[in-house]
N, C-alpha and C. Protein backbone atom coordinates (compact mmCIF):
# COMPACT_ATOMS: atom_id res chain seq x y z
N MET A 1 47.78 -27.76 77.36
CA MET A 1 48.87 -27.22 78.14
C MET A 1 48.72 -25.71 78.18
N ARG A 2 48.79 -25.14 79.35
CA ARG A 2 48.65 -23.70 79.53
C ARG A 2 49.74 -23.20 80.47
N TRP A 3 50.20 -21.97 80.19
CA TRP A 3 51.16 -21.34 81.11
C TRP A 3 50.38 -20.80 82.30
N SER A 4 50.98 -20.89 83.43
CA SER A 4 50.32 -20.35 84.62
C SER A 4 50.35 -18.83 84.56
N ALA A 5 49.36 -18.22 85.13
CA ALA A 5 49.22 -16.76 85.07
C ALA A 5 49.97 -16.11 86.22
N ILE A 6 51.28 -16.19 86.22
CA ILE A 6 52.07 -15.49 87.23
C ILE A 6 52.53 -14.16 86.66
N ASP A 7 53.00 -13.30 87.54
CA ASP A 7 53.37 -11.96 87.10
C ASP A 7 54.54 -11.98 86.11
N GLU A 8 55.62 -12.65 86.48
CA GLU A 8 56.81 -12.67 85.63
C GLU A 8 57.18 -14.12 85.33
N PRO A 9 56.85 -14.60 84.14
CA PRO A 9 57.15 -16.01 83.84
C PRO A 9 58.64 -16.28 83.66
N VAL A 10 59.43 -15.25 83.33
CA VAL A 10 60.87 -15.43 83.13
C VAL A 10 61.59 -14.48 84.07
N GLN A 11 62.44 -15.03 84.91
CA GLN A 11 63.22 -14.23 85.85
C GLN A 11 64.65 -14.74 85.85
N PRO A 12 65.63 -13.84 85.94
CA PRO A 12 67.02 -14.33 86.04
C PRO A 12 67.24 -14.99 87.40
N MET A 13 67.98 -16.09 87.39
CA MET A 13 68.23 -16.82 88.63
C MET A 13 69.19 -16.05 89.54
N ALA A 14 70.14 -15.36 88.93
CA ALA A 14 71.12 -14.57 89.68
C ALA A 14 71.43 -13.32 88.86
N ALA A 15 72.17 -12.43 89.46
CA ALA A 15 72.56 -11.22 88.74
C ALA A 15 73.43 -11.61 87.54
N ILE A 16 73.07 -11.11 86.38
CA ILE A 16 73.82 -11.41 85.16
C ILE A 16 74.93 -10.38 85.03
N VAL A 17 76.17 -10.86 84.99
CA VAL A 17 77.33 -9.99 84.88
C VAL A 17 78.05 -10.32 83.57
N LEU A 18 78.05 -9.38 82.66
CA LEU A 18 78.76 -9.52 81.39
C LEU A 18 79.76 -8.38 81.27
N PRO A 19 80.92 -8.60 80.67
CA PRO A 19 81.94 -7.55 80.64
C PRO A 19 81.56 -6.34 79.79
N ASP A 20 80.81 -6.53 78.71
CA ASP A 20 80.52 -5.42 77.81
C ASP A 20 79.07 -4.97 77.81
N PHE A 21 78.21 -5.65 78.55
CA PHE A 21 76.78 -5.36 78.49
C PHE A 21 76.17 -5.30 79.88
N ASP A 22 75.08 -4.54 79.99
CA ASP A 22 74.21 -4.53 81.16
C ASP A 22 72.86 -5.08 80.72
N LEU A 23 72.25 -5.88 81.60
CA LEU A 23 70.92 -6.39 81.31
C LEU A 23 69.94 -5.23 81.41
N PHE A 24 69.27 -4.94 80.31
CA PHE A 24 68.37 -3.79 80.26
C PHE A 24 66.94 -4.19 80.62
N LYS A 25 66.45 -5.26 80.00
CA LYS A 25 65.05 -5.62 80.22
C LYS A 25 64.80 -7.06 79.77
N ILE A 26 63.96 -7.74 80.50
CA ILE A 26 63.48 -9.06 80.09
C ILE A 26 61.96 -8.96 80.01
N SER A 27 61.44 -9.24 78.84
CA SER A 27 59.98 -9.21 78.69
C SER A 27 59.52 -10.54 78.11
N ALA A 28 58.37 -10.98 78.55
CA ALA A 28 57.81 -12.24 78.09
C ALA A 28 56.32 -12.05 77.84
N ASN A 29 55.85 -12.68 76.78
CA ASN A 29 54.41 -12.67 76.53
C ASN A 29 53.98 -14.03 76.01
N ARG A 30 52.75 -14.35 76.25
CA ARG A 30 52.18 -15.65 75.89
C ARG A 30 51.27 -15.46 74.68
N LYS A 31 51.44 -16.36 73.71
CA LYS A 31 50.58 -16.36 72.53
C LYS A 31 49.99 -17.75 72.36
N GLU A 32 48.75 -17.79 71.98
CA GLU A 32 48.09 -19.07 71.71
C GLU A 32 48.11 -19.30 70.21
N GLU A 33 48.74 -20.39 69.79
CA GLU A 33 48.92 -20.67 68.37
C GLU A 33 48.27 -22.01 68.00
N PRO A 34 47.72 -22.09 66.79
CA PRO A 34 47.13 -23.36 66.35
C PRO A 34 48.21 -24.32 65.83
N TYR A 35 48.16 -25.54 66.27
CA TYR A 35 49.02 -26.62 65.81
C TYR A 35 48.13 -27.77 65.35
N PRO A 36 48.68 -28.74 64.61
CA PRO A 36 47.84 -29.88 64.18
C PRO A 36 47.21 -30.64 65.35
N ALA A 37 47.89 -30.65 66.49
CA ALA A 37 47.35 -31.36 67.66
C ALA A 37 46.37 -30.52 68.46
N GLY A 38 46.17 -29.26 68.06
CA GLY A 38 45.25 -28.39 68.79
C GLY A 38 45.87 -27.03 69.06
N MET A 39 45.27 -26.28 69.96
CA MET A 39 45.78 -24.95 70.33
C MET A 39 46.81 -25.12 71.44
N TRP A 40 47.97 -24.49 71.25
CA TRP A 40 49.05 -24.58 72.23
C TRP A 40 49.52 -23.17 72.57
N ASP A 41 49.98 -23.02 73.77
CA ASP A 41 50.56 -21.75 74.20
C ASP A 41 52.04 -21.71 73.84
N GLU A 42 52.48 -20.53 73.42
CA GLU A 42 53.89 -20.28 73.17
C GLU A 42 54.33 -19.16 74.09
N LEU A 43 55.52 -19.28 74.60
CA LEU A 43 56.09 -18.23 75.44
C LEU A 43 57.17 -17.53 74.62
N HIS A 44 56.98 -16.25 74.37
CA HIS A 44 57.95 -15.45 73.63
C HIS A 44 58.72 -14.60 74.63
N VAL A 45 60.03 -14.73 74.63
CA VAL A 45 60.89 -14.01 75.57
C VAL A 45 61.82 -13.10 74.79
N ILE A 46 61.91 -11.85 75.21
CA ILE A 46 62.83 -10.88 74.63
C ILE A 46 63.78 -10.43 75.73
N ILE A 47 65.06 -10.65 75.51
CA ILE A 47 66.09 -10.23 76.46
C ILE A 47 66.86 -9.09 75.81
N MET A 48 66.84 -7.92 76.43
CA MET A 48 67.51 -6.75 75.86
C MET A 48 68.72 -6.39 76.72
N PHE A 49 69.83 -6.14 76.03
CA PHE A 49 71.06 -5.73 76.69
C PHE A 49 71.42 -4.33 76.24
N GLU A 50 72.16 -3.64 77.09
CA GLU A 50 72.65 -2.31 76.78
C GLU A 50 74.17 -2.35 76.81
N ARG A 51 74.80 -1.90 75.72
CA ARG A 51 76.26 -1.96 75.63
C ARG A 51 76.89 -0.87 76.50
N ARG A 52 77.93 -1.25 77.23
CA ARG A 52 78.69 -0.27 78.00
C ARG A 52 79.66 0.43 77.05
N PHE A 53 79.57 1.73 76.97
CA PHE A 53 80.37 2.46 76.00
C PHE A 53 81.63 3.07 76.57
N ILE A 54 81.81 3.10 77.88
CA ILE A 54 82.95 3.79 78.47
C ILE A 54 84.26 3.14 78.06
N TRP A 55 84.30 1.80 77.90
CA TRP A 55 85.54 1.14 77.49
C TRP A 55 85.93 1.61 76.10
N TYR A 56 84.97 1.70 75.19
CA TYR A 56 85.26 2.12 73.83
C TYR A 56 85.74 3.56 73.81
N PHE A 57 85.15 4.37 74.65
CA PHE A 57 85.57 5.77 74.70
C PHE A 57 87.00 5.89 75.23
N MET A 58 87.30 5.21 76.32
CA MET A 58 88.62 5.33 76.95
C MET A 58 89.72 4.62 76.15
N GLN A 59 89.40 3.53 75.48
CA GLN A 59 90.41 2.76 74.76
C GLN A 59 90.52 3.12 73.29
N ALA A 60 89.53 3.75 72.74
CA ALA A 60 89.55 4.03 71.30
C ALA A 60 89.49 5.52 70.99
N TYR A 61 88.43 6.16 71.38
CA TYR A 61 88.22 7.54 70.94
C TYR A 61 89.17 8.52 71.62
N LEU A 62 89.31 8.45 72.92
CA LEU A 62 90.16 9.40 73.64
C LEU A 62 91.62 9.34 73.18
N PRO A 63 92.27 8.17 73.10
CA PRO A 63 93.65 8.15 72.60
C PRO A 63 93.77 8.62 71.15
N THR A 64 92.78 8.33 70.34
CA THR A 64 92.82 8.77 68.94
C THR A 64 92.74 10.29 68.87
N TYR A 65 91.83 10.88 69.62
CA TYR A 65 91.71 12.34 69.61
C TYR A 65 92.96 13.00 70.19
N LEU A 66 93.54 12.41 71.23
CA LEU A 66 94.77 12.98 71.80
C LEU A 66 95.92 12.90 70.81
N THR A 67 96.02 11.81 70.06
CA THR A 67 97.07 11.69 69.05
C THR A 67 96.89 12.73 67.96
N ILE A 68 95.67 12.95 67.54
CA ILE A 68 95.41 13.97 66.52
C ILE A 68 95.74 15.35 67.06
N PHE A 69 95.38 15.61 68.31
CA PHE A 69 95.70 16.91 68.91
C PHE A 69 97.21 17.12 68.99
N ILE A 70 97.95 16.10 69.38
CA ILE A 70 99.41 16.22 69.47
C ILE A 70 100.01 16.44 68.08
N SER A 71 99.43 15.84 67.06
CA SER A 71 99.96 16.05 65.71
C SER A 71 99.77 17.50 65.27
N TRP A 72 98.77 18.18 65.79
CA TRP A 72 98.55 19.57 65.44
C TRP A 72 99.59 20.51 66.06
N VAL A 73 100.30 20.03 67.07
CA VAL A 73 101.34 20.85 67.70
C VAL A 73 102.40 21.22 66.68
N SER A 74 102.62 20.37 65.67
CA SER A 74 103.64 20.67 64.66
C SER A 74 103.32 21.95 63.90
N PHE A 75 102.05 22.33 63.81
CA PHE A 75 101.70 23.58 63.14
C PHE A 75 102.09 24.80 63.98
N ALA A 76 102.21 24.63 65.28
CA ALA A 76 102.57 25.74 66.15
C ALA A 76 104.08 25.96 66.21
N LEU A 77 104.85 24.97 65.79
CA LEU A 77 106.30 25.11 65.80
C LEU A 77 106.73 26.05 64.67
N GLY A 78 107.86 26.67 64.86
CA GLY A 78 108.37 27.61 63.86
C GLY A 78 108.78 26.92 62.57
N PRO A 79 108.97 27.71 61.51
CA PRO A 79 109.34 27.12 60.22
C PRO A 79 110.74 26.50 60.21
N ARG A 80 111.58 26.85 61.16
CA ARG A 80 112.94 26.29 61.21
C ARG A 80 112.98 24.95 61.95
N ALA A 81 111.90 24.57 62.59
CA ALA A 81 111.88 23.33 63.39
C ALA A 81 111.42 22.16 62.52
N ILE A 82 112.09 21.98 61.39
CA ILE A 82 111.71 20.92 60.46
C ILE A 82 111.88 19.53 61.08
N PRO A 83 113.00 19.23 61.76
CA PRO A 83 113.12 17.88 62.35
C PRO A 83 112.04 17.60 63.41
N ALA A 84 111.71 18.59 64.22
CA ALA A 84 110.70 18.39 65.26
C ALA A 84 109.32 18.17 64.63
N ARG A 85 109.00 18.95 63.59
CA ARG A 85 107.71 18.78 62.93
C ARG A 85 107.62 17.43 62.23
N THR A 86 108.71 17.02 61.61
CA THR A 86 108.73 15.70 60.96
C THR A 86 108.56 14.59 61.97
N MET A 87 109.28 14.71 63.10
CA MET A 87 109.18 13.68 64.14
C MET A 87 107.75 13.59 64.69
N LEU A 88 107.14 14.73 64.95
CA LEU A 88 105.76 14.72 65.45
C LEU A 88 104.80 14.09 64.44
N GLY A 89 104.96 14.43 63.18
CA GLY A 89 104.07 13.87 62.16
C GLY A 89 104.23 12.37 61.99
N VAL A 90 105.48 11.90 61.93
CA VAL A 90 105.72 10.46 61.77
C VAL A 90 105.27 9.70 63.01
N ASN A 91 105.58 10.23 64.20
CA ASN A 91 105.16 9.56 65.43
C ASN A 91 103.63 9.52 65.56
N ALA A 92 102.97 10.59 65.17
CA ALA A 92 101.50 10.59 65.22
C ALA A 92 100.93 9.56 64.25
N LEU A 93 101.52 9.46 63.06
CA LEU A 93 101.05 8.48 62.09
C LEU A 93 101.26 7.05 62.59
N LEU A 94 102.44 6.77 63.15
CA LEU A 94 102.70 5.43 63.70
C LEU A 94 101.78 5.12 64.88
N ALA A 95 101.55 6.11 65.73
CA ALA A 95 100.66 5.90 66.88
C ALA A 95 99.24 5.60 66.41
N MET A 96 98.78 6.29 65.36
CA MET A 96 97.44 6.03 64.83
C MET A 96 97.34 4.62 64.23
N ILE A 97 98.39 4.18 63.55
CA ILE A 97 98.37 2.84 62.95
C ILE A 97 98.31 1.78 64.04
N PHE A 98 99.15 1.91 65.06
CA PHE A 98 99.13 0.93 66.15
C PHE A 98 97.84 1.00 66.95
N GLN A 99 97.33 2.19 67.17
CA GLN A 99 96.06 2.34 67.90
C GLN A 99 94.92 1.69 67.13
N PHE A 100 94.88 1.89 65.82
CA PHE A 100 93.83 1.29 65.00
C PHE A 100 93.91 -0.23 65.04
N GLY A 101 95.14 -0.77 64.96
CA GLY A 101 95.31 -2.22 65.04
C GLY A 101 94.86 -2.78 66.38
N ASN A 102 95.17 -2.07 67.46
CA ASN A 102 94.76 -2.51 68.79
C ASN A 102 93.24 -2.47 68.94
N ILE A 103 92.62 -1.44 68.44
CA ILE A 103 91.17 -1.32 68.52
C ILE A 103 90.49 -2.43 67.72
N MET A 104 90.96 -2.65 66.50
CA MET A 104 90.34 -3.66 65.65
C MET A 104 90.53 -5.07 66.22
N ARG A 105 91.64 -5.31 66.90
CA ARG A 105 91.88 -6.63 67.48
C ARG A 105 90.94 -6.88 68.67
N ASN A 106 90.59 -5.85 69.41
CA ASN A 106 89.77 -6.01 70.61
C ASN A 106 88.27 -5.92 70.35
N LEU A 107 87.85 -5.43 69.20
CA LEU A 107 86.43 -5.32 68.90
C LEU A 107 85.91 -6.63 68.31
N PRO A 108 84.64 -6.94 68.53
CA PRO A 108 84.09 -8.17 67.93
C PRO A 108 83.99 -8.03 66.41
N ARG A 109 84.08 -9.16 65.73
CA ARG A 109 83.96 -9.16 64.27
C ARG A 109 82.48 -9.02 63.89
N VAL A 110 82.23 -8.07 63.00
CA VAL A 110 80.87 -7.85 62.50
C VAL A 110 80.93 -7.67 60.99
N SER A 111 79.79 -7.75 60.33
CA SER A 111 79.74 -7.66 58.88
C SER A 111 79.55 -6.23 58.37
N TYR A 112 79.41 -5.27 59.26
CA TYR A 112 79.19 -3.90 58.84
C TYR A 112 80.37 -3.02 59.26
N ILE A 113 80.42 -1.80 58.75
CA ILE A 113 81.50 -0.87 59.05
C ILE A 113 81.24 -0.26 60.42
N LYS A 114 82.28 -0.26 61.26
CA LYS A 114 82.16 0.33 62.59
C LYS A 114 82.51 1.82 62.51
N ALA A 115 82.10 2.58 63.50
CA ALA A 115 82.38 4.01 63.53
C ALA A 115 83.88 4.27 63.62
N ILE A 116 84.63 3.40 64.30
CA ILE A 116 86.07 3.62 64.42
C ILE A 116 86.75 3.44 63.07
N GLY A 117 86.18 2.63 62.18
CA GLY A 117 86.72 2.47 60.84
C GLY A 117 86.56 3.73 60.01
N LYS A 118 85.51 4.48 60.27
CA LYS A 118 85.30 5.75 59.59
C LYS A 118 86.19 6.84 60.17
N LEU A 119 86.46 6.76 61.48
CA LEU A 119 87.25 7.79 62.16
C LEU A 119 88.71 7.73 61.75
N VAL A 120 89.26 6.53 61.72
CA VAL A 120 90.69 6.37 61.44
C VAL A 120 90.89 6.13 60.01
């Protein structure tokens, strides 16, 4: 059994549309391997995807940085504005907690630490 010598042995049938990834590259190569029944061809296929990062930036990093920036406004308030500074600090803390929960709920589960876990 032999693979035919065509240019691209693996081709997508239609455009692949995934919500979080773009198809980056499909590569295939043929290897001849010894088996008990004789020499057989193997087709090795590598499908590479590229993660779309704009969603993570708009839903995670940008709101987190804006919340941190707003919390710094309390340093610009005068020393007599204790209630306003307290309100800004507590609201920023609550916003960060809810933002972190929302981010963690929407991200896939993995066994390693994500960058957002280090940020928040």
